[in-house]
């Protein structure tokens, strides 16, 4: 069938955002409270979770809600080694000024003070940066000045839209520089202390180790300043089924219950793969009004091959030997294990494995759902690893890298915990 109603791919918003109703409802209520009482009712939210669970699309939905109620929304993206928070805000302010946006025109002086230069129609001066004077650049931005700039924009928005305010979103917080994370935290704190009436709200996204990145940046109690909202790796079965069925139902197409169940099972309810498998099935299904189990069975091998070629395979091919071995041990445990279990399986101490664990966390391959536990970010990575590990181990030519058999013997595991559905 043509015209798929599913949206595989990073950051693409699905037609139906299943399993996030409570989050959206709470956010909408909070926006209402802030529009009436200001920052004293604000909850600056960080959606933390593995890749592919819908953090970006949820924040996008937050922005849509805020915009519909009169808020000005500024969406920013953290990129490792690229422009910082203030640079990005100034670029966005320049764009708004060039577009003739009233609130930003009236707040121009505040951004002039923030930049230390004139923010005019041609933009701010080339080479502006928040790097330190030791690097021959301008001094770091004062959090109070940034807070005043945000307050000013929010106040000017409310002149045109009395129930509005300013929402700042920042995607991929974990890759922002420590200086930017510290500045962000200090700015929000200054808003709380100096401008409790400000209708300014922040929300961001990050991988599960984002709170640790904030602490390393000097934010001593991120849980006090931010509402840390963890998004689960997988949807509940009923929410996953709804994400498959509802977009099709809205245009008069049904799914056989068995077909839905097969999609949910094959994807393990992982949102990114749910969209991928449903899309693949849609594109090969003849229709015209019902998608059948046979359509799913035909589509899954193709979708799995695409997943391996574009995502799992490239990451596996560039993975260092010790990380590959670590993932194999985790896959033998079904994709979830304690650090003590993994140490026993690999015949090493938890301290010896800590640098491998941290590297895999920062890469996004694994995450810690709770202290002392690890989980594979992509559920289908477990069967993928088990199917390829032995050949990859032989290719290394390193006898120190353990075989699956040795790992099973160390851990008392009789057979692999997961097998491929292909």
Protein backbone atom coordinates (compact mmCIF):
# COMPACT_ATOMS: atom_id res chain seq x y z
CA UNK A 1 0.00 0.00 0.00
CA UNK A 2 1.07 3.59 -0.61
CA UNK A 3 1.08 6.53 1.79
CA UNK A 4 2.39 4.87 4.95
CA UNK A 5 1.01 6.29 8.19
CA UNK A 6 4.14 5.25 10.13
CA UNK A 7 7.27 7.35 10.58
CA UNK A 8 10.48 5.39 11.15
CA UNK A 9 13.61 7.45 11.68
CA UNK A 10 15.18 9.53 14.42
CA UNK A 11 13.08 12.49 15.55
CA UNK A 12 10.15 11.84 13.20
CA UNK A 13 6.87 12.43 15.01
CA UNK A 14 4.44 9.52 14.76
CA UNK A 15 0.82 10.11 13.82
CA UNK A 16 -0.11 8.75 17.26
CA UNK A 17 2.16 9.37 20.25
CA UNK A 18 1.15 6.32 22.27
CA UNK A 19 1.91 5.92 25.95
CA UNK A 20 2.63 9.61 26.59
CA UNK A 21 -0.86 10.87 27.44
CA UNK A 22 -0.12 11.43 31.13
CA UNK A 23 3.08 13.35 30.36
CA UNK A 24 1.32 15.63 27.90
CA UNK A 25 -1.61 16.24 30.22
CA UNK A 26 0.70 17.15 33.13
CA UNK A 27 2.71 19.48 30.89
CA UNK A 28 -0.40 21.26 29.64
CA UNK A 29 -1.60 21.81 33.19
CA UNK A 30 1.81 23.14 34.18
CA UNK A 31 1.82 25.64 31.28
CA UNK A 32 -1.54 26.93 32.45
CA UNK A 33 -0.23 27.41 35.99
CA UNK A 34 2.93 29.19 34.82
CA UNK A 35 0.91 31.55 32.62
CA UNK A 36 -1.01 32.61 35.72
CA UNK A 37 1.61 32.50 38.50
CA UNK A 38 5.01 32.43 36.76
CA UNK A 39 8.14 30.46 37.59
CA UNK A 40 6.88 29.50 41.03
CA UNK A 41 4.74 26.89 39.25
CA UNK A 42 7.29 25.89 36.61
CA UNK A 43 8.69 22.39 36.35
CA UNK A 44 11.77 22.30 34.14
CA UNK A 45 11.63 18.81 32.70
CA UNK A 46 14.40 16.59 31.38
CA UNK A 47 13.13 13.56 29.50
CA UNK A 48 15.86 10.96 30.00
CA UNK A 49 15.95 7.64 28.21
CA UNK A 50 17.73 5.47 25.66
CA UNK A 51 17.77 6.34 21.99
CA UNK A 52 14.66 5.44 20.05
CA UNK A 53 12.12 5.75 22.86
CA UNK A 54 10.56 9.02 21.68
CA UNK A 55 12.25 11.75 23.74
CA UNK A 56 12.53 14.20 20.87
CA UNK A 57 9.01 13.61 19.59
CA UNK A 58 7.63 14.08 23.11
CA UNK A 59 9.46 17.40 23.48
CA UNK A 60 8.16 18.36 20.03
CA UNK A 61 4.64 17.62 21.29
CA UNK A 62 5.38 19.82 24.33
CA UNK A 63 6.30 22.62 21.95
CA UNK A 64 3.11 22.18 19.96
CA UNK A 65 1.03 22.37 23.13
CA UNK A 66 2.89 25.44 24.33
CA UNK A 67 2.56 27.21 20.99
CA UNK A 68 -1.17 26.52 20.88
CA UNK A 69 -1.63 28.24 24.24
CA UNK A 70 0.32 31.37 23.28
CA UNK A 71 3.88 30.50 24.25
CA UNK A 72 6.85 31.44 22.10
CA UNK A 73 8.86 28.24 21.55
CA UNK A 74 12.61 28.16 20.93
CA UNK A 75 13.96 24.72 20.04
CA UNK A 76 17.72 24.25 20.43
CA UNK A 77 19.96 21.28 19.69
CA UNK A 78 23.14 20.49 21.59
CA UNK A 79 25.92 19.33 19.26
CA UNK A 80 29.27 18.16 20.60
CA UNK A 81 32.00 20.65 19.75
CA UNK A 82 29.61 23.12 18.12
CA UNK A 83 28.08 26.47 19.09
CA UNK A 84 27.05 26.81 22.71
CA UNK A 85 23.79 27.74 24.38
CA UNK A 86 24.23 31.52 24.17
CA UNK A 87 25.48 31.37 20.58
CA UNK A 88 22.41 29.36 19.59
CA UNK A 89 20.04 31.71 21.39
CA UNK A 90 21.61 34.73 19.72
CA UNK A 91 21.35 33.12 16.31
CA UNK A 92 17.69 32.38 17.00
CA UNK A 93 17.12 35.95 18.21
CA UNK A 94 18.70 37.25 15.01
CA UNK A 95 16.35 35.12 12.93
CA UNK A 96 13.34 36.38 14.84
CA UNK A 97 14.48 39.97 14.43
CA UNK A 98 14.96 39.53 10.70
CA UNK A 99 11.46 38.04 10.49
CA UNK A 100 10.09 41.10 12.27
CA UNK A 101 8.74 39.17 15.26
CA UNK A 102 7.29 41.79 17.60
CA UNK A 103 8.29 40.38 21.01
CA UNK A 104 11.87 39.84 19.85
CA UNK A 105 12.08 43.31 18.32
CA UNK A 106 10.99 44.82 21.62
CA UNK A 107 13.46 42.60 23.55
CA UNK A 108 16.41 43.55 21.30
CA UNK A 109 18.22 45.58 23.96
CA UNK A 110 18.25 42.62 26.33
CA UNK A 111 19.98 40.50 23.70
CA UNK A 112 22.38 43.35 22.90
CA UNK A 113 23.45 43.19 26.55
CA UNK A 114 23.68 39.39 26.39
CA UNK A 115 25.89 39.41 23.31
CA UNK A 116 27.95 42.43 24.29
CA UNK A 117 27.46 43.53 20.67
CA UNK A 118 24.60 44.85 18.60
CA UNK A 119 22.11 42.23 17.49
CA UNK A 120 20.88 43.90 14.33
CA UNK A 121 19.34 42.88 11.07
CA UNK A 122 22.72 41.60 9.89
CA UNK A 123 23.16 39.42 12.96
CA UNK A 124 25.67 39.68 15.80
CA UNK A 125 29.37 40.14 15.27
CA UNK A 126 31.30 37.30 13.69
CA UNK A 127 33.30 35.16 16.06
CA UNK A 128 31.18 35.71 19.16
CA UNK A 129 31.70 32.90 21.63
CA UNK A 130 31.23 32.12 25.29
CA UNK A 131 34.71 30.68 25.64
CA UNK A 132 37.04 31.92 28.34
CA UNK A 133 39.35 34.97 28.15
CA UNK A 134 42.34 32.63 28.31
CA UNK A 135 41.43 31.54 24.78
CA UNK A 136 41.49 35.16 23.63
CA UNK A 137 37.70 35.39 23.44
CA UNK A 138 34.94 37.20 25.28
CA UNK A 139 34.33 36.29 28.94
CA UNK A 140 31.73 33.71 29.85
CA UNK A 141 28.13 34.88 29.92
CA UNK A 142 26.66 35.85 33.27
CA UNK A 143 23.65 33.69 34.20
CA UNK A 144 21.82 36.72 35.53
CA UNK A 145 22.13 38.51 32.17
CA UNK A 146 20.82 35.47 30.31
CA UNK A 147 17.94 35.13 32.79
CA UNK A 148 17.01 38.80 32.23
CA UNK A 149 17.02 38.29 28.45
CA UNK A 150 14.66 35.32 28.72
CA UNK A 151 12.44 37.21 31.17
CA UNK A 152 12.24 40.14 28.76
CA UNK A 153 11.20 37.99 25.81
CA UNK A 154 8.53 36.24 27.91
CA UNK A 155 7.18 39.57 29.13
CA UNK A 156 7.03 40.93 25.57
CA UNK A 157 5.23 37.79 24.39
CA UNK A 158 2.63 38.35 27.10
CA UNK A 159 1.96 41.85 25.82
CA UNK A 160 0.59 40.24 22.67
CA UNK A 161 -0.67 36.97 24.18
CA UNK A 162 -1.63 37.38 27.86
CA UNK A 163 -1.70 33.63 28.51
CA UNK A 164 1.64 33.03 26.81
CA UNK A 165 5.25 32.88 27.85
CA UNK A 166 8.55 31.42 26.66
CA UNK A 167 9.43 27.74 26.31
CA UNK A 168 13.07 26.82 25.68
CA UNK A 169 13.80 23.24 24.61
CA UNK A 170 17.25 21.67 24.31
CA UNK A 171 17.73 18.27 22.67
CA UNK A 172 20.65 15.92 23.45
CA UNK A 173 21.66 17.58 26.71
CA UNK A 174 24.29 14.93 27.41
CA UNK A 175 26.58 16.20 24.62
CA UNK A 176 26.45 19.86 25.68
CA UNK A 177 29.67 21.25 27.11
CA UNK A 178 30.00 21.29 30.91
CA UNK A 179 30.15 25.10 30.72
CA UNK A 180 26.81 25.22 28.92
CA UNK A 181 25.18 22.79 31.33
CA UNK A 182 26.42 24.85 34.27
CA UNK A 183 25.19 28.07 32.61
CA UNK A 184 21.79 26.55 31.92
CA UNK A 185 21.38 25.41 35.52
CA UNK A 186 22.55 28.74 36.90
CA UNK A 187 20.21 30.67 34.58
CA UNK A 188 17.16 28.66 35.61
CA UNK A 189 18.17 29.12 39.25
CA UNK A 190 18.45 32.90 38.75
CA UNK A 191 15.01 32.94 37.16
CA UNK A 192 13.64 31.12 40.21
CA UNK A 193 15.32 33.49 42.68
CA UNK A 194 15.24 36.86 40.91
CA UNK A 195 12.22 36.59 38.60
CA UNK A 196 9.58 34.29 40.14
CA UNK A 197 6.94 36.05 38.05
CA UNK A 198 8.63 35.09 34.75
CA UNK A 199 6.56 32.89 32.45
CA UNK A 200 9.64 30.95 31.31
CA UNK A 201 9.80 27.15 31.11
CA UNK A 202 12.61 24.82 30.07
CA UNK A 203 12.45 21.25 28.87
CA UNK A 204 15.21 19.05 27.47
CA UNK A 205 16.12 15.55 26.47
CA UNK A 206 19.12 13.36 27.12
CA UNK A 207 20.40 9.83 27.42
CA UNK A 208 19.97 8.12 30.80
CA UNK A 209 23.38 9.31 32.03
CA UNK A 210 22.39 12.99 31.59
CA UNK A 211 21.99 13.54 35.37
CA UNK A 212 25.59 12.36 35.80
CA UNK A 213 26.72 14.75 33.05
CA UNK A 214 25.00 17.57 34.95
CA UNK A 215 26.73 16.60 38.19
CA UNK A 216 30.12 16.50 36.44
CA UNK A 217 29.39 20.00 35.15
CA UNK A 218 28.99 21.19 38.73
CA UNK A 219 25.20 21.02 39.06
CA UNK A 220 25.20 19.54 42.55
CA UNK A 221 21.55 18.54 42.82
CA UNK A 222 20.04 18.24 39.32
CA UNK A 223 17.04 16.44 40.78
CA UNK A 224 16.15 19.58 42.75
CA UNK A 225 16.41 21.96 39.82
CA UNK A 226 14.92 19.68 37.16
CA UNK A 227 12.11 17.18 37.07
CA UNK A 228 13.91 14.11 35.73
CA UNK A 229 11.32 12.11 33.79
CA UNK A 230 12.66 8.72 32.67
CA UNK A 231 11.09 7.29 29.54
CA UNK A 232 10.95 3.48 29.54
CA UNK A 233 12.79 1.44 26.92
CA UNK A 234 9.61 -0.24 25.73
CA UNK A 235 5.92 0.61 25.62
CA UNK A 236 3.31 -1.38 27.46
CA UNK A 237 1.75 -4.00 25.20
CA UNK A 238 -1.53 -2.13 24.95
CA UNK A 239 0.20 1.16 24.12
CA UNK A 240 2.39 -0.53 21.50
CA UNK A 241 -0.66 -2.11 19.89
CA UNK A 242 -2.45 1.25 19.89
CA UNK A 243 0.54 2.88 18.17
CA UNK A 244 0.19 0.30 15.38
CA UNK A 245 -3.59 0.18 15.04
CA UNK A 246 -4.76 3.75 15.58
CA UNK A 247 -2.97 5.56 12.71
CA UNK A 248 -4.38 3.04 10.23
CA UNK A 249 -7.84 3.06 11.80
CA UNK A 250 -8.08 6.81 11.28
CA UNK A 251 -7.99 6.34 7.53
CA UNK A 252 -10.24 3.27 7.46
CA UNK A 253 -7.68 0.45 7.48
CA UNK A 254 -7.66 -2.37 10.04
CA UNK A 255 -5.01 -4.77 11.35
CA UNK A 256 -5.70 -8.41 12.13
CA UNK A 257 -5.14 -8.88 15.90
CA UNK A 258 -2.59 -11.61 15.18
CA UNK A 259 -0.68 -9.23 12.91
CA UNK A 260 -0.58 -6.56 15.60
CA UNK A 261 0.61 -9.04 18.20
CA UNK A 262 3.39 -10.21 15.89
CA UNK A 263 4.62 -6.64 15.33
CA UNK A 264 4.58 -5.89 19.05
CA UNK A 265 6.41 -9.12 19.88
CA UNK A 266 9.03 -8.73 17.14
CA UNK A 267 9.80 -5.15 18.20
CA UNK A 268 9.63 -5.91 21.93
CA UNK A 269 7.56 -2.73 22.13
CA UNK A 270 10.63 -0.58 21.40
CA UNK A 271 9.11 2.55 19.81
CA UNK A 272 11.71 3.04 17.06
CA UNK A 273 11.41 -0.55 15.85
CA UNK A 274 7.65 -0.53 16.25
CA UNK A 275 7.45 2.26 13.67
CA UNK A 276 10.01 0.56 11.41
CA UNK A 277 8.26 -2.82 11.37
CA UNK A 278 4.78 -1.33 10.98
CA UNK A 279 6.00 0.84 8.10
CA UNK A 280 7.68 -2.12 6.40
CA UNK A 281 4.51 -4.17 6.70
CA UNK A 282 2.37 -1.34 5.34
CA UNK A 283 4.54 -0.92 2.25
CA UNK A 284 4.28 -4.58 1.19
CA UNK A 285 0.67 -5.25 2.27
CA UNK A 286 -1.72 -5.47 -0.72
CA UNK A 287 -4.64 -4.13 1.30
CA UNK A 288 -6.97 -2.55 0.54
CA UNK A 289 -8.63 -2.52 3.95
CA UNK A 290 -6.97 -5.14 6.20
CA UNK A 291 -3.34 -5.84 7.09
CA UNK A 292 -2.84 -9.55 7.78
CA UNK A 293 -0.41 -11.73 9.69
CA UNK A 294 1.01 -13.01 6.40
CA UNK A 295 1.92 -9.43 5.48
CA UNK A 296 3.87 -9.05 8.71
CA UNK A 297 5.71 -12.35 8.23
CA UNK A 298 6.73 -11.26 4.76
CA UNK A 299 7.89 -7.82 5.88
CA UNK A 300 9.83 -8.66 9.04
CA UNK A 301 12.89 -10.31 7.41
CA UNK A 302 13.28 -7.33 5.09
CA UNK A 303 12.92 -4.85 7.94
CA UNK A 304 15.37 -6.78 10.11
CA UNK A 305 17.91 -6.85 7.28
CA UNK A 306 17.50 -3.09 6.84
CA UNK A 307 17.97 -2.57 10.57
CA UNK A 308 21.14 -4.64 10.60
CA UNK A 309 22.57 -2.91 7.55
CA UNK A 310 21.85 0.65 8.62
CA UNK A 311 22.12 0.55 12.40
CA UNK A 312 23.23 -2.58 14.22
CA UNK A 313 25.87 -3.70 11.74
CA UNK A 314 27.80 -0.42 11.42
CA UNK A 315 27.95 -0.01 15.19
CA UNK A 316 29.07 -3.62 15.67
CA UNK A 317 31.78 -3.31 13.01
CA UNK A 318 33.44 -0.35 14.71
CA UNK A 319 33.14 -1.67 18.25
CA UNK A 320 36.40 -2.36 20.18
CA UNK A 321 37.00 -5.97 21.16
CA UNK A 322 36.39 -5.52 24.87
CA UNK A 323 33.12 -3.67 24.32
CA UNK A 324 32.02 -6.41 21.92
CA UNK A 325 32.80 -9.02 24.58
CA UNK A 326 30.92 -7.04 27.23
CA UNK A 327 27.81 -6.81 25.04
CA UNK A 328 27.97 -10.55 24.36
CA UNK A 329 27.92 -11.22 28.10
CA UNK A 330 24.94 -8.90 28.48
CA UNK A 331 23.17 -10.57 25.54
CA UNK A 332 23.63 -13.98 27.18
CA UNK A 333 21.65 -12.59 30.13
CA UNK A 334 18.78 -11.62 27.85
CA UNK A 335 19.92 -8.02 27.48
CA UNK A 336 19.63 -7.11 31.16
CA UNK A 337 21.97 -7.99 34.03
CA UNK A 338 23.58 -6.72 37.20
CA UNK A 339 27.17 -5.54 37.15
CA UNK A 340 28.01 -8.41 39.52
CA UNK A 341 26.58 -10.96 37.06
CA UNK A 342 28.58 -9.49 34.20
CA UNK A 343 31.77 -9.50 36.24
CA UNK A 344 31.24 -13.18 37.05
CA UNK A 345 30.48 -14.10 33.44
CA UNK A 346 33.57 -12.26 32.17
CA UNK A 347 35.83 -13.42 34.99
CA UNK A 348 36.82 -9.90 35.99
CA UNK A 349 36.06 -7.48 38.79
CA UNK A 350 33.44 -4.78 38.45
CA UNK A 351 36.23 -2.20 38.77
CA UNK A 352 38.10 -3.72 35.82
CA UNK A 353 34.94 -3.47 33.72
CA UNK A 354 33.97 0.05 34.77
CA UNK A 355 35.72 1.85 31.88
CA UNK A 356 34.08 -0.46 29.33
CA UNK A 357 30.71 0.04 30.94
CA UNK A 358 31.11 3.83 30.91
CA UNK A 359 32.21 3.88 27.27
CA UNK A 360 29.17 1.84 26.23
CA UNK A 361 26.86 4.10 28.25
CA UNK A 362 28.29 7.24 26.64
CA UNK A 363 28.00 5.63 23.20
CA UNK A 364 24.33 4.85 23.93
CA UNK A 365 24.66 1.06 23.56
CA UNK A 366 23.62 0.33 27.14
CA UNK A 367 21.97 2.23 29.97
CA UNK A 368 21.54 1.77 33.70
CA UNK A 369 17.83 1.45 34.59
CA UNK A 370 18.88 1.49 38.23
CA UNK A 371 22.10 1.44 40.22
CA UNK A 372 24.03 -1.79 39.72
CA UNK A 373 22.08 -2.87 36.62
CA UNK A 374 22.65 -2.57 32.89
CA UNK A 375 20.33 -3.02 29.94
CA UNK A 376 20.86 -3.11 26.19
CA UNK A 377 19.45 0.03 24.62
CA UNK A 378 18.15 -1.78 21.53
CA UNK A 379 16.27 -4.97 22.45
CA UNK A 380 17.05 -6.65 19.12
CA UNK A 381 20.77 -6.15 19.70
CA UNK A 382 20.86 -9.28 21.90
CA UNK A 383 20.05 -11.86 19.20
CA UNK A 384 22.13 -9.87 16.72
CA UNK A 385 25.21 -10.04 18.99
CA UNK A 386 24.79 -13.73 19.81
CA UNK A 387 24.53 -14.62 16.14
CA UNK A 388 27.76 -12.80 15.21
CA UNK A 389 29.98 -12.83 18.25
CA UNK A 390 31.95 -16.02 17.69
CA UNK A 391 32.96 -15.09 14.15
CA UNK A 392 33.88 -11.59 15.28
CA UNK A 393 35.94 -13.05 18.14
CA UNK A 394 37.84 -15.32 15.76
CA UNK A 395 38.49 -12.36 13.48
CA UNK A 396 40.23 -10.51 16.30
CA UNK A 397 42.81 -13.26 16.67
CA UNK A 398 42.89 -12.48 20.40
CA UNK A 399 42.71 -15.58 22.59
CA UNK A 400 42.05 -13.42 25.65
CA UNK A 401 38.59 -12.51 24.36
CA UNK A 402 36.24 -15.08 25.90
CA UNK A 403 34.09 -17.45 23.85
CA UNK A 404 30.37 -17.69 24.48
CA UNK A 405 30.93 -21.15 25.90
CA UNK A 406 33.44 -19.83 28.42
CA UNK A 407 31.04 -17.06 29.42
CA UNK A 408 28.22 -19.55 29.90
CA UNK A 409 30.45 -21.73 32.05
CA UNK A 410 31.52 -18.77 34.18
CA UNK A 411 27.96 -17.61 34.67
CA UNK A 412 26.25 -20.99 34.91
CA UNK A 413 24.16 -20.23 31.81
CA UNK A 414 23.06 -23.36 29.96
CA UNK A 415 21.81 -21.75 26.75
CA UNK A 416 21.50 -18.26 25.28
CA UNK A 417 18.68 -16.31 26.94
CA UNK A 418 17.42 -14.86 23.68
CA UNK A 419 17.21 -16.13 20.13
CA UNK A 420 16.48 -14.35 16.89
CA UNK A 421 12.88 -14.10 15.71
CA UNK A 422 13.99 -14.20 12.12
